[in-house]
Amino acid sequence: MAAKRLKLKSRSERFFDKVGDYLVKYMIDIKFPDNRFSITIQPSIKSYMIDDIFWEVFDMASNSQEPMSLRAVGAFPVDKFFLPDKIATENKWEML
């Protein structure tokens, strides 16, 4: 699987990883409209430490010690910035 090869973590259909000082997250949607393959990848990015600041202000600093998935899909993370969607439709698609 691509996510495993890229060493991405996943929770709730979202793939994420820490890249430098940022949390990068991808939501991937695969469909087969009219018997054709379609994949939508919605990437987002945010500063890794912004959740720490938010949790400190709202007296939830212990959240900083929780798994990275809390920053990606938890109930109290700071929202992210969406990057432009990339939609690709191909008859054949294979992993390189």
C-alpha atoms as a PDB file:
ATOM      1  CA  MET A   1       0.000   0.000   0.000  1.00  0.00           C
ATOM      2  CA  ALA A   2       1.230   3.501  -0.838  1.00  0.00           C
ATOM      3  CA  ALA A   3       0.747   4.897   2.673  1.00  0.00           C
ATOM      4  CA  LYS A   4       2.909   2.148   4.148  1.00  0.00           C
ATOM      5  CA  ARG A   5       5.642   2.711   1.553  1.00  0.00           C
ATOM      6  CA  LEU A   6       5.608   6.450   2.343  1.00  0.00           C
ATOM      7  CA  LYS A   7       5.547   5.720   6.108  1.00  0.00           C
ATOM      8  CA  LEU A   8       2.362   7.755   6.613  1.00  0.00           C
ATOM      9  CA  LYS A   9       0.227   7.236   9.703  1.00  0.00           C
ATOM     10  CA  SER A  10      -3.541   6.932   9.277  1.00  0.00           C
ATOM     11  CA  ARG A  11      -6.739   7.404  11.281  1.00  0.00           C
ATOM     12  CA  SER A  12     -10.335   7.776  10.091  1.00  0.00           C
ATOM     13  CA  GLU A  13      -9.483   7.660   6.380  1.00  0.00           C
ATOM     14  CA  ARG A  14      -6.853  10.369   6.801  1.00  0.00           C
ATOM     15  CA  PHE A  15      -3.137   9.987   6.288  1.00  0.00           C
ATOM     16  CA  PHE A  16      -0.704  12.277   8.071  1.00  0.00           C
ATOM     17  CA  ASP A  17       2.892  12.820   9.043  1.00  0.00           C
ATOM     18  CA  LYS A  18       5.141  15.421  10.624  1.00  0.00           C
ATOM     19  CA  VAL A  19       7.296  17.101   7.989  1.00  0.00           C
ATOM     20  CA  GLY A  20       9.775  19.473   9.579  1.00  0.00           C
ATOM     21  CA  ASP A  21       7.749  21.837  11.779  1.00  0.00           C
ATOM     22  CA  TYR A  22       4.441  21.035  10.070  1.00  0.00           C
ATOM     23  CA  LEU A  23       1.686  18.444  10.256  1.00  0.00           C
ATOM     24  CA  VAL A  24       0.745  17.440   6.724  1.00  0.00           C
ATOM     25  CA  LYS A  25      -2.524  15.581   6.263  1.00  0.00           C
ATOM     26  CA  TYR A  26      -4.198  14.001   3.246  1.00  0.00           C
ATOM     27  CA  MET A  27      -7.799  12.949   2.889  1.00  0.00           C
ATOM     28  CA  ILE A  28      -8.121  10.528  -0.013  1.00  0.00           C
ATOM     29  CA  ASP A  29     -11.403   9.658  -1.721  1.00  0.00           C
ATOM     30  CA  ILE A  30     -11.499   6.921  -4.363  1.00  0.00           C
ATOM     31  CA  LYS A  31     -14.557   6.468  -6.579  1.00  0.00           C
ATOM     32  CA  PHE A  32     -15.535   4.616  -9.716  1.00  0.00           C
ATOM     33  CA  PRO A  33     -18.098   6.865 -11.457  1.00  0.00           C
ATOM     34  CA  ASP A  34     -19.309   5.396 -14.753  1.00  0.00           C
ATOM     35  CA  ASN A  35     -16.878   2.480 -14.259  1.00  0.00           C
ATOM     36  CA  ARG A  36     -13.888   4.842 -14.360  1.00  0.00           C
ATOM     37  CA  PHE A  37     -11.331   5.304 -11.639  1.00  0.00           C
ATOM     38  CA  SER A  38     -11.317   8.669  -9.844  1.00  0.00           C
ATOM     39  CA  ILE A  39      -9.162   9.747  -6.933  1.00  0.00           C
ATOM     40  CA  THR A  40      -9.459  13.017  -5.026  1.00  0.00           C
ATOM     41  CA  ILE A  41      -6.636  14.011  -2.718  1.00  0.00           C
ATOM     42  CA  GLN A  42      -7.310  16.875  -0.334  1.00  0.00           C
ATOM     43  CA  PRO A  43      -4.017  17.920   1.309  1.00  0.00           C
ATOM     44  CA  SER A  44      -3.812  20.254   4.284  1.00  0.00           C
ATOM     45  CA  ILE A  45      -0.979  21.668   6.373  1.00  0.00           C
ATOM     46  CA  LYS A  46      -0.565  23.441   9.708  1.00  0.00           C
ATOM     47  CA  SER A  47       2.221  24.357  12.085  1.00  0.00           C
ATOM     48  CA  TYR A  48       2.933  21.431  14.385  1.00  0.00           C
ATOM     49  CA  MET A  49       3.215  23.641  17.478  1.00  0.00           C
ATOM     50  CA  ILE A  50      -0.052  25.553  16.991  1.00  0.00           C
ATOM     51  CA  ASP A  51      -1.989  22.774  18.745  1.00  0.00           C
ATOM     52  CA  ASP A  52       0.442  23.017  21.688  1.00  0.00           C
ATOM     53  CA  ILE A  53      -0.274  26.750  21.995  1.00  0.00           C
ATOM     54  CA  PHE A  54      -4.042  26.211  21.737  1.00  0.00           C
ATOM     55  CA  TRP A  55      -3.997  23.442  24.345  1.00  0.00           C
ATOM     56  CA  GLU A  56      -1.846  25.523  26.712  1.00  0.00           C
ATOM     57  CA  VAL A  57      -4.244  28.502  26.496  1.00  0.00           C
ATOM     58  CA  PHE A  58      -7.298  26.284  27.124  1.00  0.00           C
ATOM     59  CA  ASP A  59      -5.684  24.322  29.983  1.00  0.00           C
ATOM     60  CA  MET A  60      -5.315  21.088  28.010  1.00  0.00           C
ATOM     61  CA  ALA A  61      -1.492  21.046  27.844  1.00  0.00           C
ATOM     62  CA  SER A  62      -1.384  17.293  28.512  1.00  0.00           C
ATOM     63  CA  ASN A  63      -2.762  16.778  24.977  1.00  0.00           C
ATOM     64  CA  SER A  64       0.724  17.655  23.691  1.00  0.00           C
ATOM     65  CA  GLN A  65       1.930  14.265  24.961  1.00  0.00           C
ATOM     66  CA  GLU A  66      -0.782  12.303  23.146  1.00  0.00           C
ATOM     67  CA  PRO A  67      -0.211  10.464  19.830  1.00  0.00           C
ATOM     68  CA  MET A  68       0.144  12.545  16.658  1.00  0.00           C
ATOM     69  CA  SER A  69      -3.290  11.318  15.539  1.00  0.00           C
ATOM     70  CA  LEU A  70      -4.879  13.692  18.087  1.00  0.00           C
ATOM     71  CA  ARG A  71      -3.449  16.624  16.109  1.00  0.00           C
ATOM     72  CA  ALA A  72      -4.747  15.143  12.852  1.00  0.00           C
ATOM     73  CA  VAL A  73      -8.258  13.949  13.744  1.00  0.00           C
ATOM     74  CA  GLY A  74      -8.828  14.728  17.440  1.00  0.00           C
ATOM     75  CA  ALA A  75     -11.756  16.621  18.918  1.00  0.00           C
ATOM     76  CA  PHE A  76      -9.742  19.705  19.953  1.00  0.00           C
ATOM     77  CA  PRO A  77      -7.038  20.399  17.354  1.00  0.00           C
ATOM     78  CA  VAL A  78      -6.533  23.743  15.664  1.00  0.00           C
ATOM     79  CA  ASP A  79      -7.991  23.707  12.160  1.00  0.00           C
ATOM     80  CA  LYS A  80      -5.689  23.375   9.172  1.00  0.00           C
ATOM     81  CA  PHE A  81      -5.124  25.220   5.936  1.00  0.00           C
ATOM     82  CA  PHE A  82      -6.340  23.440   2.831  1.00  0.00           C
ATOM     83  CA  LEU A  83      -4.127  23.212  -0.199  1.00  0.00           C
ATOM     84  CA  PRO A  84      -5.686  23.083  -3.688  1.00  0.00           C
ATOM     85  CA  ASP A  85      -7.428  19.820  -4.528  1.00  0.00           C
ATOM     86  CA  LYS A  86      -5.906  17.549  -7.115  1.00  0.00           C
ATOM     87  CA  ILE A  87      -8.331  15.346  -9.024  1.00  0.00           C
ATOM     88  CA  ALA A  88      -7.074  12.704 -11.404  1.00  0.00           C
ATOM     89  CA  THR A  89      -9.086  10.313 -13.524  1.00  0.00           C
ATOM     90  CA  GLU A  90      -7.310   7.579 -15.428  1.00  0.00           C
ATOM     91  CA  ASN A  91      -8.277   4.361 -17.185  1.00  0.00           C
ATOM     92  CA  LYS A  92      -5.217   2.636 -15.734  1.00  0.00           C
ATOM     93  CA  TRP A  93      -3.378   3.599 -12.597  1.00  0.00           C
ATOM     94  CA  GLU A  94      -0.464   1.809 -11.032  1.00  0.00           C
ATOM     95  CA  MET A  95       1.947   2.469  -8.223  1.00  0.00           C
ATOM     96  CA  LEU A  96       5.527   3.104  -9.303  1.00  0.00           C
END
